[in-house]
């Protein structure tokens, strides 16, 4: 299964561990200020506790990935793990199943970006106008994705840094705004979800919070380009989960105590942007919600899109190198980026 890289004919082996970590973290830390209303619907003011519990629950999976990633030195983690561990049929199926999740990210993210733009600037765009603008964004991301991998990971790291900085800063601003009180928490185990077969709705909501943790599995897709000891990939995998988990817990604790949060959720923001809507409609702020929207929502979603885009491309590249797809999928351009996988993902996302 080992893929021997030909000079100029394979992926560029130049990534520092810090950039593999930021790819994973950027993939995870996405919809913190967009899907906040969804998370609030799942677990109410106790969302911070649900994220703490989910961080603990997801770590065993991360540790399994960490052990497997250190055994194989090429991209295409799920393909390799399941082919070697079970058989080639399971490996092939596992690859397409994980890519089904990754491939859904680019079109979902660009539509989320257009939703924020349309809502914030009251553009009144119709569905097809938004789809057209989102398609332009996909093409722009495609052109980014075929550039040198160093450009890609540095661009993503910059987006991630802005997202994390603004999110943490916003948490402190909310906490000391004079509009935050413990009495606003109410019942922290309240949920909009109904119990199923005796399982409380809050527990079901917590289980659904596994979605914001998708992204650490991008690390095995990047190891072929790493210039660090392969065993250190564990730091990128576990580090990305712990980083995001800690910020999720802190931020949603700060959000849960806001005045009027429940009313805003009920009347304005069940479809997204709960915290931004609360800052606008209850606190009366105009400037900071725009900053949060641009530097947290837009750049955060952009960082995630790039992370999953790179992972999908590298999985397709790996499948070609290991004879699961035609060899043409393994051909790279002058920047040592797989071309046909990039084109395939763009076309699929546009459709």
C-alpha atoms as a PDB file:
ATOM      1  CA  UNK A   1       0.000   0.000   0.000  1.00  0.00           C
ATOM      2  CA  UNK A   2       2.992   2.312   0.327  1.00  0.00           C
ATOM      3  CA  UNK A   3       2.993   5.098  -2.263  1.00  0.00           C
ATOM      4  CA  UNK A   4       6.468   6.049  -3.420  1.00  0.00           C
ATOM      5  CA  UNK A   5       6.497   9.681  -4.492  1.00  0.00           C
ATOM      6  CA  UNK A   6       8.211  10.584  -7.742  1.00  0.00           C
ATOM      7  CA  UNK A   7       9.882  13.960  -7.830  1.00  0.00           C
ATOM      8  CA  UNK A   8       7.387  16.401  -9.341  1.00  0.00           C
ATOM      9  CA  UNK A   9       4.939  13.584  -9.958  1.00  0.00           C
ATOM     10  CA  UNK A  10       3.155  13.350  -6.633  1.00  0.00           C
ATOM     11  CA  UNK A  11       2.014  15.464  -3.721  1.00  0.00           C
ATOM     12  CA  UNK A  12       4.347  18.106  -2.327  1.00  0.00           C
ATOM     13  CA  UNK A  13       5.907  16.799   0.890  1.00  0.00           C
ATOM     14  CA  UNK A  14       6.285  20.133   2.648  1.00  0.00           C
ATOM     15  CA  UNK A  15       3.606  20.532   5.344  1.00  0.00           C
ATOM     16  CA  UNK A  16       4.599  21.424   8.881  1.00  0.00           C
ATOM     17  CA  UNK A  17       2.645  19.723  11.676  1.00  0.00           C
ATOM     18  CA  UNK A  18       1.095  23.051  12.689  1.00  0.00           C
ATOM     19  CA  UNK A  19      -0.611  23.335   9.294  1.00  0.00           C
ATOM     20  CA  UNK A  20      -1.994  19.803   9.427  1.00  0.00           C
ATOM     21  CA  UNK A  21      -3.378  20.747  12.855  1.00  0.00           C
ATOM     22  CA  UNK A  22      -4.956  23.936  11.458  1.00  0.00           C
ATOM     23  CA  UNK A  23      -6.511  22.009   8.547  1.00  0.00           C
ATOM     24  CA  UNK A  24      -8.247  19.700  11.046  1.00  0.00           C
ATOM     25  CA  UNK A  25      -9.180  22.487  13.455  1.00  0.00           C
ATOM     26  CA  UNK A  26     -10.444  24.706  10.649  1.00  0.00           C
ATOM     27  CA  UNK A  27     -12.564  21.842   9.324  1.00  0.00           C
ATOM     28  CA  UNK A  28     -14.158  21.312  12.750  1.00  0.00           C
ATOM     29  CA  UNK A  29     -14.612  24.896  13.903  1.00  0.00           C
ATOM     30  CA  UNK A  30     -17.180  26.002  11.340  1.00  0.00           C
ATOM     31  CA  UNK A  31     -20.748  26.910  12.183  1.00  0.00           C
ATOM     32  CA  UNK A  32     -20.184  28.284  15.699  1.00  0.00           C
ATOM     33  CA  UNK A  33     -22.075  31.530  14.966  1.00  0.00           C
ATOM     34  CA  UNK A  34     -24.348  30.188  12.225  1.00  0.00           C
ATOM     35  CA  UNK A  35     -25.768  26.917  13.578  1.00  0.00           C
ATOM     36  CA  UNK A  36     -25.892  28.288  17.142  1.00  0.00           C
ATOM     37  CA  UNK A  37     -29.702  28.344  16.932  1.00  0.00           C
ATOM     38  CA  UNK A  38     -29.703  24.672  15.892  1.00  0.00           C
ATOM     39  CA  UNK A  39     -27.454  23.749  18.822  1.00  0.00           C
ATOM     40  CA  UNK A  40     -29.623  25.811  21.176  1.00  0.00           C
ATOM     41  CA  UNK A  41     -32.684  23.946  19.917  1.00  0.00           C
ATOM     42  CA  UNK A  42     -30.967  20.646  20.681  1.00  0.00           C
ATOM     43  CA  UNK A  43     -29.702  21.363  24.193  1.00  0.00           C
ATOM     44  CA  UNK A  44     -30.928  24.819  25.222  1.00  0.00           C
ATOM     45  CA  UNK A  45     -28.846  26.789  27.688  1.00  0.00           C
ATOM     46  CA  UNK A  46     -27.021  23.542  28.542  1.00  0.00           C
ATOM     47  CA  UNK A  47     -25.385  23.454  25.104  1.00  0.00           C
ATOM     48  CA  UNK A  48     -22.027  24.242  26.736  1.00  0.00           C
ATOM     49  CA  UNK A  49     -22.348  21.117  28.919  1.00  0.00           C
ATOM     50  CA  UNK A  50     -23.394  19.002  25.925  1.00  0.00           C
ATOM     51  CA  UNK A  51     -20.276  20.121  24.057  1.00  0.00           C
ATOM     52  CA  UNK A  52     -18.104  19.237  27.052  1.00  0.00           C
ATOM     53  CA  UNK A  53     -19.588  15.731  27.191  1.00  0.00           C
ATOM     54  CA  UNK A  54     -19.311  15.258  23.419  1.00  0.00           C
ATOM     55  CA  UNK A  55     -15.642  16.310  23.491  1.00  0.00           C
ATOM     56  CA  UNK A  56     -14.975  13.515  25.993  1.00  0.00           C
ATOM     57  CA  UNK A  57     -17.065  11.049  23.969  1.00  0.00           C
ATOM     58  CA  UNK A  58     -15.294  11.750  20.683  1.00  0.00           C
ATOM     59  CA  UNK A  59     -11.739  11.398  22.057  1.00  0.00           C
ATOM     60  CA  UNK A  60     -11.687   7.543  21.959  1.00  0.00           C
ATOM     61  CA  UNK A  61     -12.496   7.697  18.236  1.00  0.00           C
ATOM     62  CA  UNK A  62      -9.718  10.248  17.803  1.00  0.00           C
ATOM     63  CA  UNK A  63      -7.251   7.993  19.609  1.00  0.00           C
ATOM     64  CA  UNK A  64      -8.102   5.107  17.252  1.00  0.00           C
ATOM     65  CA  UNK A  65      -7.450   7.400  14.292  1.00  0.00           C
ATOM     66  CA  UNK A  66      -4.186   8.494  15.925  1.00  0.00           C
ATOM     67  CA  UNK A  67      -2.924   4.916  16.185  1.00  0.00           C
ATOM     68  CA  UNK A  68      -3.937   4.057  12.621  1.00  0.00           C
ATOM     69  CA  UNK A  69      -2.524   7.256  11.112  1.00  0.00           C
ATOM     70  CA  UNK A  70       0.937   6.417  12.462  1.00  0.00           C
ATOM     71  CA  UNK A  71       0.947   3.058  10.634  1.00  0.00           C
ATOM     72  CA  UNK A  72       0.451   4.286   7.062  1.00  0.00           C
ATOM     73  CA  UNK A  73       2.390   7.043   5.322  1.00  0.00           C
ATOM     74  CA  UNK A  74       0.055   7.873   2.447  1.00  0.00           C
ATOM     75  CA  UNK A  75      -3.185   9.796   2.101  1.00  0.00           C
ATOM     76  CA  UNK A  76      -6.542   8.024   2.019  1.00  0.00           C
ATOM     77  CA  UNK A  77      -6.876   6.957   5.649  1.00  0.00           C
ATOM     78  CA  UNK A  78     -10.306   5.300   5.580  1.00  0.00           C
ATOM     79  CA  UNK A  79      -9.473   3.500   2.334  1.00  0.00           C
ATOM     80  CA  UNK A  80      -6.249   2.059   3.735  1.00  0.00           C
ATOM     81  CA  UNK A  81      -7.513   1.241   7.233  1.00  0.00           C
ATOM     82  CA  UNK A  82     -10.528  -0.711   6.031  1.00  0.00           C
ATOM     83  CA  UNK A  83      -8.792  -2.382   3.090  1.00  0.00           C
ATOM     84  CA  UNK A  84      -5.935  -3.663   5.258  1.00  0.00           C
ATOM     85  CA  UNK A  85      -8.122  -4.376   8.291  1.00  0.00           C
ATOM     86  CA  UNK A  86     -11.089  -5.992   6.518  1.00  0.00           C
ATOM     87  CA  UNK A  87     -11.057  -6.186   2.707  1.00  0.00           C
ATOM     88  CA  UNK A  88     -10.926  -4.020  -0.424  1.00  0.00           C
ATOM     89  CA  UNK A  89     -14.715  -3.929  -0.813  1.00  0.00           C
ATOM     90  CA  UNK A  90     -15.208  -2.434   2.652  1.00  0.00           C
ATOM     91  CA  UNK A  91     -12.306  -0.060   1.985  1.00  0.00           C
ATOM     92  CA  UNK A  92     -13.918   1.169  -1.229  1.00  0.00           C
ATOM     93  CA  UNK A  93     -17.333   1.573   0.417  1.00  0.00           C
ATOM     94  CA  UNK A  94     -15.898   3.327   3.485  1.00  0.00           C
ATOM     95  CA  UNK A  95     -14.069   5.810   1.255  1.00  0.00           C
ATOM     96  CA  UNK A  96     -17.213   6.814  -0.617  1.00  0.00           C
ATOM     97  CA  UNK A  97     -19.279   6.977   2.569  1.00  0.00           C
ATOM     98  CA  UNK A  98     -16.850   9.375   4.292  1.00  0.00           C
ATOM     99  CA  UNK A  99     -16.564  11.401   1.096  1.00  0.00           C
ATOM    100  CA  UNK A 100     -20.348  11.687   0.942  1.00  0.00           C
ATOM    101  CA  UNK A 101     -20.077  13.759   4.129  1.00  0.00           C
ATOM    102  CA  UNK A 102     -17.106  15.774   2.887  1.00  0.00           C
ATOM    103  CA  UNK A 103     -18.595  16.466  -0.552  1.00  0.00           C
ATOM    104  CA  UNK A 104     -21.734  17.918   1.032  1.00  0.00           C
ATOM    105  CA  UNK A 105     -19.682  20.630   2.753  1.00  0.00           C
ATOM    106  CA  UNK A 106     -18.673  22.941  -0.155  1.00  0.00           C
ATOM    107  CA  UNK A 107     -22.216  23.492  -1.536  1.00  0.00           C
ATOM    108  CA  UNK A 108     -23.671  23.751   1.982  1.00  0.00           C
ATOM    109  CA  UNK A 109     -21.048  26.284   3.060  1.00  0.00           C
ATOM    110  CA  UNK A 110     -21.335  28.588   0.051  1.00  0.00           C
ATOM    111  CA  UNK A 111     -25.125  28.620   0.451  1.00  0.00           C
ATOM    112  CA  UNK A 112     -24.663  29.432   4.157  1.00  0.00           C
ATOM    113  CA  UNK A 113     -22.339  32.298   3.223  1.00  0.00           C
ATOM    114  CA  UNK A 114     -24.906  33.662   0.783  1.00  0.00           C
ATOM    115  CA  UNK A 115     -27.643  33.283   3.416  1.00  0.00           C
ATOM    116  CA  UNK A 116     -25.672  35.524   5.797  1.00  0.00           C
ATOM    117  CA  UNK A 117     -24.874  38.071   3.081  1.00  0.00           C
ATOM    118  CA  UNK A 118     -28.494  38.175   1.895  1.00  0.00           C
ATOM    119  CA  UNK A 119     -29.847  38.482   5.436  1.00  0.00           C
ATOM    120  CA  UNK A 120     -27.303  41.001   6.745  1.00  0.00           C
ATOM    121  CA  UNK A 121     -27.442  43.424   3.835  1.00  0.00           C
ATOM    122  CA  UNK A 122     -31.166  42.879   3.117  1.00  0.00           C
ATOM    123  CA  UNK A 123     -30.443  42.155  -0.554  1.00  0.00           C
ATOM    124  CA  UNK A 124     -33.705  40.318  -1.094  1.00  0.00           C
ATOM    125  CA  UNK A 125     -32.083  37.736  -3.362  1.00  0.00           C
ATOM    126  CA  UNK A 126     -34.273  34.889  -4.608  1.00  0.00           C
ATOM    127  CA  UNK A 127     -33.257  31.245  -4.435  1.00  0.00           C
ATOM    128  CA  UNK A 128     -31.746  31.065  -7.902  1.00  0.00           C
ATOM    129  CA  UNK A 129     -29.872  34.338  -7.470  1.00  0.00           C
ATOM    130  CA  UNK A 130     -28.330  32.972  -4.290  1.00  0.00           C
ATOM    131  CA  UNK A 131     -27.482  29.704  -6.036  1.00  0.00           C
ATOM    132  CA  UNK A 132     -25.799  31.668  -8.849  1.00  0.00           C
ATOM    133  CA  UNK A 133     -23.679  33.679  -6.400  1.00  0.00           C
ATOM    134  CA  UNK A 134     -22.826  30.508  -4.474  1.00  0.00           C
ATOM    135  CA  UNK A 135     -21.705  28.869  -7.734  1.00  0.00           C
ATOM    136  CA  UNK A 136     -19.305  31.773  -8.348  1.00  0.00           C
ATOM    137  CA  UNK A 137     -17.870  31.224  -4.863  1.00  0.00           C
ATOM    138  CA  UNK A 138     -17.364  27.524  -5.626  1.00  0.00           C
ATOM    139  CA  UNK A 139     -15.409  28.384  -8.757  1.00  0.00           C
ATOM    140  CA  UNK A 140     -13.225  30.804  -6.775  1.00  0.00           C
ATOM    141  CA  UNK A 141     -12.511  28.097  -4.183  1.00  0.00           C
ATOM    142  CA  UNK A 142     -11.687  25.688  -7.008  1.00  0.00           C
ATOM    143  CA  UNK A 143      -9.017  28.060  -8.323  1.00  0.00           C
ATOM    144  CA  UNK A 144      -7.625  28.373  -4.799  1.00  0.00           C
ATOM    145  CA  UNK A 145      -7.546  24.589  -4.436  1.00  0.00           C
ATOM    146  CA  UNK A 146      -5.312  24.048  -7.446  1.00  0.00           C
ATOM    147  CA  UNK A 147      -2.620  26.375  -6.105  1.00  0.00           C
ATOM    148  CA  UNK A 148       0.402  25.289  -4.095  1.00  0.00           C
ATOM    149  CA  UNK A 149      -0.544  23.460  -0.893  1.00  0.00           C
ATOM    150  CA  UNK A 150       1.450  25.992   1.163  1.00  0.00           C
ATOM    151  CA  UNK A 151      -0.815  28.771  -0.117  1.00  0.00           C
ATOM    152  CA  UNK A 152      -3.885  26.691   0.723  1.00  0.00           C
ATOM    153  CA  UNK A 153      -2.956  25.791   4.287  1.00  0.00           C
ATOM    154  CA  UNK A 154      -1.728  29.314   5.094  1.00  0.00           C
ATOM    155  CA  UNK A 155      -4.949  30.823   3.740  1.00  0.00           C
ATOM    156  CA  UNK A 156      -6.966  28.367   5.823  1.00  0.00           C
ATOM    157  CA  UNK A 157      -4.858  29.022   8.921  1.00  0.00           C
ATOM    158  CA  UNK A 158      -5.473  32.764   8.537  1.00  0.00           C
ATOM    159  CA  UNK A 159      -9.238  32.222   8.285  1.00  0.00           C
ATOM    160  CA  UNK A 160      -9.163  29.927  11.322  1.00  0.00           C
ATOM    161  CA  UNK A 161      -7.151  32.424  13.399  1.00  0.00           C
ATOM    162  CA  UNK A 162      -9.678  35.173  12.672  1.00  0.00           C
ATOM    163  CA  UNK A 163     -12.591  32.882  13.552  1.00  0.00           C
ATOM    164  CA  UNK A 164     -11.094  31.702  16.861  1.00  0.00           C
ATOM    165  CA  UNK A 165      -9.930  35.179  17.893  1.00  0.00           C
ATOM    166  CA  UNK A 166     -13.289  36.825  17.230  1.00  0.00           C
ATOM    167  CA  UNK A 167     -15.232  33.950  18.833  1.00  0.00           C
ATOM    168  CA  UNK A 168     -13.234  34.060  22.081  1.00  0.00           C
ATOM    169  CA  UNK A 169     -13.287  37.868  22.157  1.00  0.00           C
ATOM    170  CA  UNK A 170     -17.056  37.856  21.591  1.00  0.00           C
ATOM    171  CA  UNK A 171     -17.479  35.429  24.489  1.00  0.00           C
ATOM    172  CA  UNK A 172     -15.691  37.798  26.877  1.00  0.00           C
ATOM    173  CA  UNK A 173     -17.601  40.810  25.515  1.00  0.00           C
ATOM    174  CA  UNK A 174     -20.924  39.047  26.123  1.00  0.00           C
ATOM    175  CA  UNK A 175     -19.863  37.856  29.575  1.00  0.00           C
ATOM    176  CA  UNK A 176     -19.031  41.394  30.749  1.00  0.00           C
ATOM    177  CA  UNK A 177     -21.636  43.276  28.711  1.00  0.00           C
ATOM    178  CA  UNK A 178     -24.054  43.780  31.597  1.00  0.00           C
ATOM    179  CA  UNK A 179     -26.615  41.703  29.676  1.00  0.00           C
ATOM    180  CA  UNK A 180     -25.382  38.342  31.034  1.00  0.00           C
ATOM    181  CA  UNK A 181     -26.920  36.713  34.103  1.00  0.00           C
ATOM    182  CA  UNK A 182     -26.894  33.174  35.494  1.00  0.00           C
ATOM    183  CA  UNK A 183     -30.647  33.461  35.991  1.00  0.00           C
ATOM    184  CA  UNK A 184     -31.067  33.435  32.203  1.00  0.00           C
ATOM    185  CA  UNK A 185     -29.897  29.815  32.050  1.00  0.00           C
ATOM    186  CA  UNK A 186     -33.148  28.388  33.424  1.00  0.00           C
ATOM    187  CA  UNK A 187     -33.377  24.611  32.982  1.00  0.00           C
ATOM    188  CA  UNK A 188     -30.117  23.613  31.312  1.00  0.00           C
ATOM    189  CA  UNK A 189     -31.605  20.268  30.233  1.00  0.00           C
ATOM    190  CA  UNK A 190     -34.427  21.812  28.219  1.00  0.00           C
ATOM    191  CA  UNK A 191     -34.615  20.713  24.560  1.00  0.00           C
ATOM    192  CA  UNK A 192     -36.897  21.255  21.592  1.00  0.00           C
ATOM    193  CA  UNK A 193     -36.479  17.553  20.781  1.00  0.00           C
ATOM    194  CA  UNK A 194     -38.928  14.949  22.039  1.00  0.00           C
ATOM    195  CA  UNK A 195     -37.943  11.843  23.958  1.00  0.00           C
ATOM    196  CA  UNK A 196     -37.650   8.662  21.871  1.00  0.00           C
ATOM    197  CA  UNK A 197     -37.973   5.187  23.390  1.00  0.00           C
ATOM    198  CA  UNK A 198     -37.326   6.623  26.826  1.00  0.00           C
ATOM    199  CA  UNK A 199     -34.219   8.538  25.768  1.00  0.00           C
ATOM    200  CA  UNK A 200     -34.575  12.213  26.832  1.00  0.00           C
ATOM    201  CA  UNK A 201     -34.595  14.804  24.059  1.00  0.00           C
ATOM    202  CA  UNK A 202     -31.567  16.583  25.587  1.00  0.00           C
ATOM    203  CA  UNK A 203     -29.479  13.396  25.357  1.00  0.00           C
ATOM    204  CA  UNK A 204     -30.514  12.954  21.717  1.00  0.00           C
ATOM    205  CA  UNK A 205     -29.559  16.588  21.102  1.00  0.00           C
ATOM    206  CA  UNK A 206     -26.159  16.034  22.685  1.00  0.00           C
ATOM    207  CA  UNK A 207     -25.613  13.015  20.429  1.00  0.00           C
ATOM    208  CA  UNK A 208     -26.434  15.165  17.402  1.00  0.00           C
ATOM    209  CA  UNK A 209     -23.634  17.534  18.424  1.00  0.00           C
ATOM    210  CA  UNK A 210     -21.192  15.021  16.966  1.00  0.00           C
ATOM    211  CA  UNK A 211     -21.700  16.902  13.676  1.00  0.00           C
ATOM    212  CA  UNK A 212     -19.602  19.962  14.686  1.00  0.00           C
ATOM    213  CA  UNK A 213     -16.688  17.598  15.380  1.00  0.00           C
ATOM    214  CA  UNK A 214     -16.418  16.313  11.812  1.00  0.00           C
ATOM    215  CA  UNK A 215     -12.997  17.359  10.562  1.00  0.00           C
ATOM    216  CA  UNK A 216     -10.293  15.625  12.617  1.00  0.00           C
ATOM    217  CA  UNK A 217     -10.502  12.748  10.130  1.00  0.00           C
ATOM    218  CA  UNK A 218      -8.906  15.084   7.562  1.00  0.00           C
ATOM    219  CA  UNK A 219      -5.490  14.551   9.195  1.00  0.00           C
ATOM    220  CA  UNK A 220      -4.859  11.100   7.642  1.00  0.00           C
ATOM    221  CA  UNK A 221      -5.500  12.666   4.218  1.00  0.00           C
ATOM    222  CA  UNK A 222      -2.624  15.133   4.748  1.00  0.00           C
ATOM    223  CA  UNK A 223       0.104  12.836   6.157  1.00  0.00           C
ATOM    224  CA  UNK A 224       1.597  12.114   2.722  1.00  0.00           C
ATOM    225  CA  UNK A 225       2.503  15.799   2.457  1.00  0.00           C
ATOM    226  CA  UNK A 226       3.838  16.130   6.018  1.00  0.00           C
ATOM    227  CA  UNK A 227       7.536  16.680   6.684  1.00  0.00           C
ATOM    228  CA  UNK A 228       7.202  15.627  10.329  1.00  0.00           C
ATOM    229  CA  UNK A 229       7.452  12.194  12.039  1.00  0.00           C
ATOM    230  CA  UNK A 230       4.252  10.339  11.206  1.00  0.00           C
ATOM    231  CA  UNK A 231       3.613   9.481  14.868  1.00  0.00           C
ATOM    232  CA  UNK A 232       3.146  13.199  15.577  1.00  0.00           C
ATOM    233  CA  UNK A 233      -0.104  13.185  13.621  1.00  0.00           C
ATOM    234  CA  UNK A 234      -1.710  12.241  16.957  1.00  0.00           C
ATOM    235  CA  UNK A 235      -1.015  15.790  18.147  1.00  0.00           C
ATOM    236  CA  UNK A 236      -2.923  17.232  15.195  1.00  0.00           C
ATOM    237  CA  UNK A 237      -5.889  14.866  15.631  1.00  0.00           C
ATOM    238  CA  UNK A 238      -6.368  15.153  19.395  1.00  0.00           C
ATOM    239  CA  UNK A 239      -5.230  18.767  19.494  1.00  0.00           C
ATOM    240  CA  UNK A 240      -7.876  19.851  17.002  1.00  0.00           C
ATOM    241  CA  UNK A 241     -10.665  18.209  19.023  1.00  0.00           C
ATOM    242  CA  UNK A 242      -9.511  19.599  22.372  1.00  0.00           C
ATOM    243  CA  UNK A 243      -9.020  23.093  20.939  1.00  0.00           C
ATOM    244  CA  UNK A 244     -12.491  23.223  19.403  1.00  0.00           C
ATOM    245  CA  UNK A 245     -14.143  21.496  22.351  1.00  0.00           C
ATOM    246  CA  UNK A 246     -12.741  24.011  24.847  1.00  0.00           C
ATOM    247  CA  UNK A 247     -13.817  26.991  22.725  1.00  0.00           C
ATOM    248  CA  UNK A 248     -17.290  25.517  22.147  1.00  0.00           C
ATOM    249  CA  UNK A 249     -17.775  25.049  25.912  1.00  0.00           C
ATOM    250  CA  UNK A 250     -16.550  28.546  26.795  1.00  0.00           C
ATOM    251  CA  UNK A 251     -18.449  30.319  24.027  1.00  0.00           C
ATOM    252  CA  UNK A 252     -21.822  28.654  24.542  1.00  0.00           C
ATOM    253  CA  UNK A 253     -21.521  29.219  28.289  1.00  0.00           C
ATOM    254  CA  UNK A 254     -21.131  32.932  27.535  1.00  0.00           C
ATOM    255  CA  UNK A 255     -24.053  32.870  25.070  1.00  0.00           C
ATOM    256  CA  UNK A 256     -26.420  30.926  27.384  1.00  0.00           C
ATOM    257  CA  UNK A 257     -26.663  33.722  29.964  1.00  0.00           C
ATOM    258  CA  UNK A 258     -27.625  36.499  27.535  1.00  0.00           C
ATOM    259  CA  UNK A 259     -30.768  38.519  28.138  1.00  0.00           C
ATOM    260  CA  UNK A 260     -33.571  37.700  25.713  1.00  0.00           C
ATOM    261  CA  UNK A 261     -31.852  34.723  24.109  1.00  0.00           C
ATOM    262  CA  UNK A 262     -34.880  32.453  24.419  1.00  0.00           C
ATOM    263  CA  UNK A 263     -37.214  35.112  22.968  1.00  0.00           C
ATOM    264  CA  UNK A 264     -34.907  35.757  20.030  1.00  0.00           C
ATOM    265  CA  UNK A 265     -34.723  32.011  19.332  1.00  0.00           C
ATOM    266  CA  UNK A 266     -38.521  31.779  19.356  1.00  0.00           C
ATOM    267  CA  UNK A 267     -39.224  34.871  17.251  1.00  0.00           C
ATOM    268  CA  UNK A 268     -36.229  35.533  14.993  1.00  0.00           C
ATOM    269  CA  UNK A 269     -33.482  33.008  14.679  1.00  0.00           C
ATOM    270  CA  UNK A 270     -34.588  29.375  14.587  1.00  0.00           C
ATOM    271  CA  UNK A 271     -32.927  29.090  11.164  1.00  0.00           C
ATOM    272  CA  UNK A 272     -29.526  30.398  12.265  1.00  0.00           C
ATOM    273  CA  UNK A 273     -27.449  33.309  13.595  1.00  0.00           C
ATOM    274  CA  UNK A 274     -28.981  33.227  17.096  1.00  0.00           C
ATOM    275  CA  UNK A 275     -26.155  35.075  18.845  1.00  0.00           C
ATOM    276  CA  UNK A 276     -25.891  37.728  16.141  1.00  0.00           C
ATOM    277  CA  UNK A 277     -29.677  38.250  16.193  1.00  0.00           C
ATOM    278  CA  UNK A 278     -29.612  38.585  20.001  1.00  0.00           C
ATOM    279  CA  UNK A 279     -26.847  41.191  19.844  1.00  0.00           C
ATOM    280  CA  UNK A 280     -28.855  43.136  17.283  1.00  0.00           C
ATOM    281  CA  UNK A 281     -32.393  42.812  18.675  1.00  0.00           C
ATOM    282  CA  UNK A 282     -31.799  42.777  22.444  1.00  0.00           C
ATOM    283  CA  UNK A 283     -28.455  44.468  23.020  1.00  0.00           C
ATOM    284  CA  UNK A 284     -28.986  46.971  20.204  1.00  0.00           C
ATOM    285  CA  UNK A 285     -25.502  46.491  18.791  1.00  0.00           C
ATOM    286  CA  UNK A 286     -24.858  47.222  15.103  1.00  0.00           C
ATOM    287  CA  UNK A 287     -21.065  47.192  14.568  1.00  0.00           C
ATOM    288  CA  UNK A 288     -19.920  44.056  16.411  1.00  0.00           C
ATOM    289  CA  UNK A 289     -22.497  41.689  14.848  1.00  0.00           C
ATOM    290  CA  UNK A 290     -21.089  42.607  11.426  1.00  0.00           C
ATOM    291  CA  UNK A 291     -17.550  41.876  12.638  1.00  0.00           C
ATOM    292  CA  UNK A 292     -18.687  38.515  14.019  1.00  0.00           C
ATOM    293  CA  UNK A 293     -20.473  37.756  10.758  1.00  0.00           C
ATOM    294  CA  UNK A 294     -17.462  38.508   8.571  1.00  0.00           C
ATOM    295  CA  UNK A 295     -14.557  37.229  10.673  1.00  0.00           C
ATOM    296  CA  UNK A 296     -16.287  34.336  12.415  1.00  0.00           C
ATOM    297  CA  UNK A 297     -19.140  33.186  10.177  1.00  0.00           C
ATOM    298  CA  UNK A 298     -17.723  33.827   6.713  1.00  0.00           C
ATOM    299  CA  UNK A 299     -14.036  33.105   7.343  1.00  0.00           C
ATOM    300  CA  UNK A 300     -14.863  30.188   9.636  1.00  0.00           C
ATOM    301  CA  UNK A 301     -17.018  28.572   6.987  1.00  0.00           C
ATOM    302  CA  UNK A 302     -14.373  29.292   4.354  1.00  0.00           C
ATOM    303  CA  UNK A 303     -11.724  27.535   6.449  1.00  0.00           C
ATOM    304  CA  UNK A 304     -13.949  24.481   6.801  1.00  0.00           C
ATOM    305  CA  UNK A 305     -14.719  24.381   3.098  1.00  0.00           C
ATOM    306  CA  UNK A 306     -11.003  24.357   2.230  1.00  0.00           C
ATOM    307  CA  UNK A 307     -10.290  21.601   4.757  1.00  0.00           C
ATOM    308  CA  UNK A 308     -12.936  19.248   3.425  1.00  0.00           C
ATOM    309  CA  UNK A 309     -12.142  20.170  -0.192  1.00  0.00           C
ATOM    310  CA  UNK A 310      -8.484  19.221   0.276  1.00  0.00           C
ATOM    311  CA  UNK A 311      -9.482  15.974   2.014  1.00  0.00           C
ATOM    312  CA  UNK A 312     -11.882  14.883  -0.743  1.00  0.00           C
ATOM    313  CA  UNK A 313      -9.313  15.601  -3.433  1.00  0.00           C
ATOM    314  CA  UNK A 314      -6.644  13.617  -1.619  1.00  0.00           C
ATOM    315  CA  UNK A 315      -8.930  10.668  -1.015  1.00  0.00           C
ATOM    316  CA  UNK A 316      -9.708  10.467  -4.745  1.00  0.00           C
ATOM    317  CA  UNK A 317      -5.984  10.822  -5.480  1.00  0.00           C
ATOM    318  CA  UNK A 318      -5.212   7.967  -3.077  1.00  0.00           C
ATOM    319  CA  UNK A 319      -7.901   5.744  -4.588  1.00  0.00           C
ATOM    320  CA  UNK A 320      -6.303   6.219  -8.011  1.00  0.00           C
ATOM    321  CA  UNK A 321      -2.818   5.417  -6.705  1.00  0.00           C
ATOM    322  CA  UNK A 322      -4.130   2.223  -5.120  1.00  0.00           C
ATOM    323  CA  UNK A 323      -6.040   1.069  -8.224  1.00  0.00           C
ATOM    324  CA  UNK A 324      -9.544   1.836  -6.943  1.00  0.00           C
ATOM    325  CA  UNK A 325      -9.998   4.560  -9.595  1.00  0.00           C
ATOM    326  CA  UNK A 326      -8.393   5.189 -13.019  1.00  0.00           C
ATOM    327  CA  UNK A 327      -4.799   6.440 -12.796  1.00  0.00           C
ATOM    328  CA  UNK A 328      -5.785   9.747 -14.408  1.00  0.00           C
ATOM    329  CA  UNK A 329      -7.208  10.787 -11.016  1.00  0.00           C
ATOM    330  CA  UNK A 330      -3.639  10.706  -9.648  1.00  0.00           C
ATOM    331  CA  UNK A 331      -2.181  13.161 -12.197  1.00  0.00           C
ATOM    332  CA  UNK A 332      -1.082  16.472 -10.670  1.00  0.00           C
ATOM    333  CA  UNK A 333      -0.601  19.974 -12.071  1.00  0.00           C
ATOM    334  CA  UNK A 334       2.521  22.151 -11.838  1.00  0.00           C
ATOM    335  CA  UNK A 335       1.591  23.002  -8.230  1.00  0.00           C
ATOM    336  CA  UNK A 336       1.461  19.272  -7.429  1.00  0.00           C
ATOM    337  CA  UNK A 337      -2.292  19.366  -6.904  1.00  0.00           C
ATOM    338  CA  UNK A 338      -4.466  16.520  -8.288  1.00  0.00           C
ATOM    339  CA  UNK A 339      -6.400  18.077 -11.180  1.00  0.00           C
ATOM    340  CA  UNK A 340      -9.183  15.645 -12.062  1.00  0.00           C
ATOM    341  CA  UNK A 341     -10.287  15.173  -8.423  1.00  0.00           C
ATOM    342  CA  UNK A 342     -10.534  18.965  -8.104  1.00  0.00           C
ATOM    343  CA  UNK A 343     -12.606  19.220 -11.275  1.00  0.00           C
ATOM    344  CA  UNK A 344     -14.784  16.290 -10.200  1.00  0.00           C
ATOM    345  CA  UNK A 345     -15.511  17.922  -6.829  1.00  0.00           C
ATOM    346  CA  UNK A 346     -16.293  21.289  -8.438  1.00  0.00           C
ATOM    347  CA  UNK A 347     -18.754  19.756 -10.907  1.00  0.00           C
ATOM    348  CA  UNK A 348     -20.441  17.663  -8.219  1.00  0.00           C
ATOM    349  CA  UNK A 349     -20.711  20.675  -5.894  1.00  0.00           C
ATOM    350  CA  UNK A 350     -22.217  22.833  -8.661  1.00  0.00           C
ATOM    351  CA  UNK A 351     -24.775  20.155  -9.454  1.00  0.00           C
END
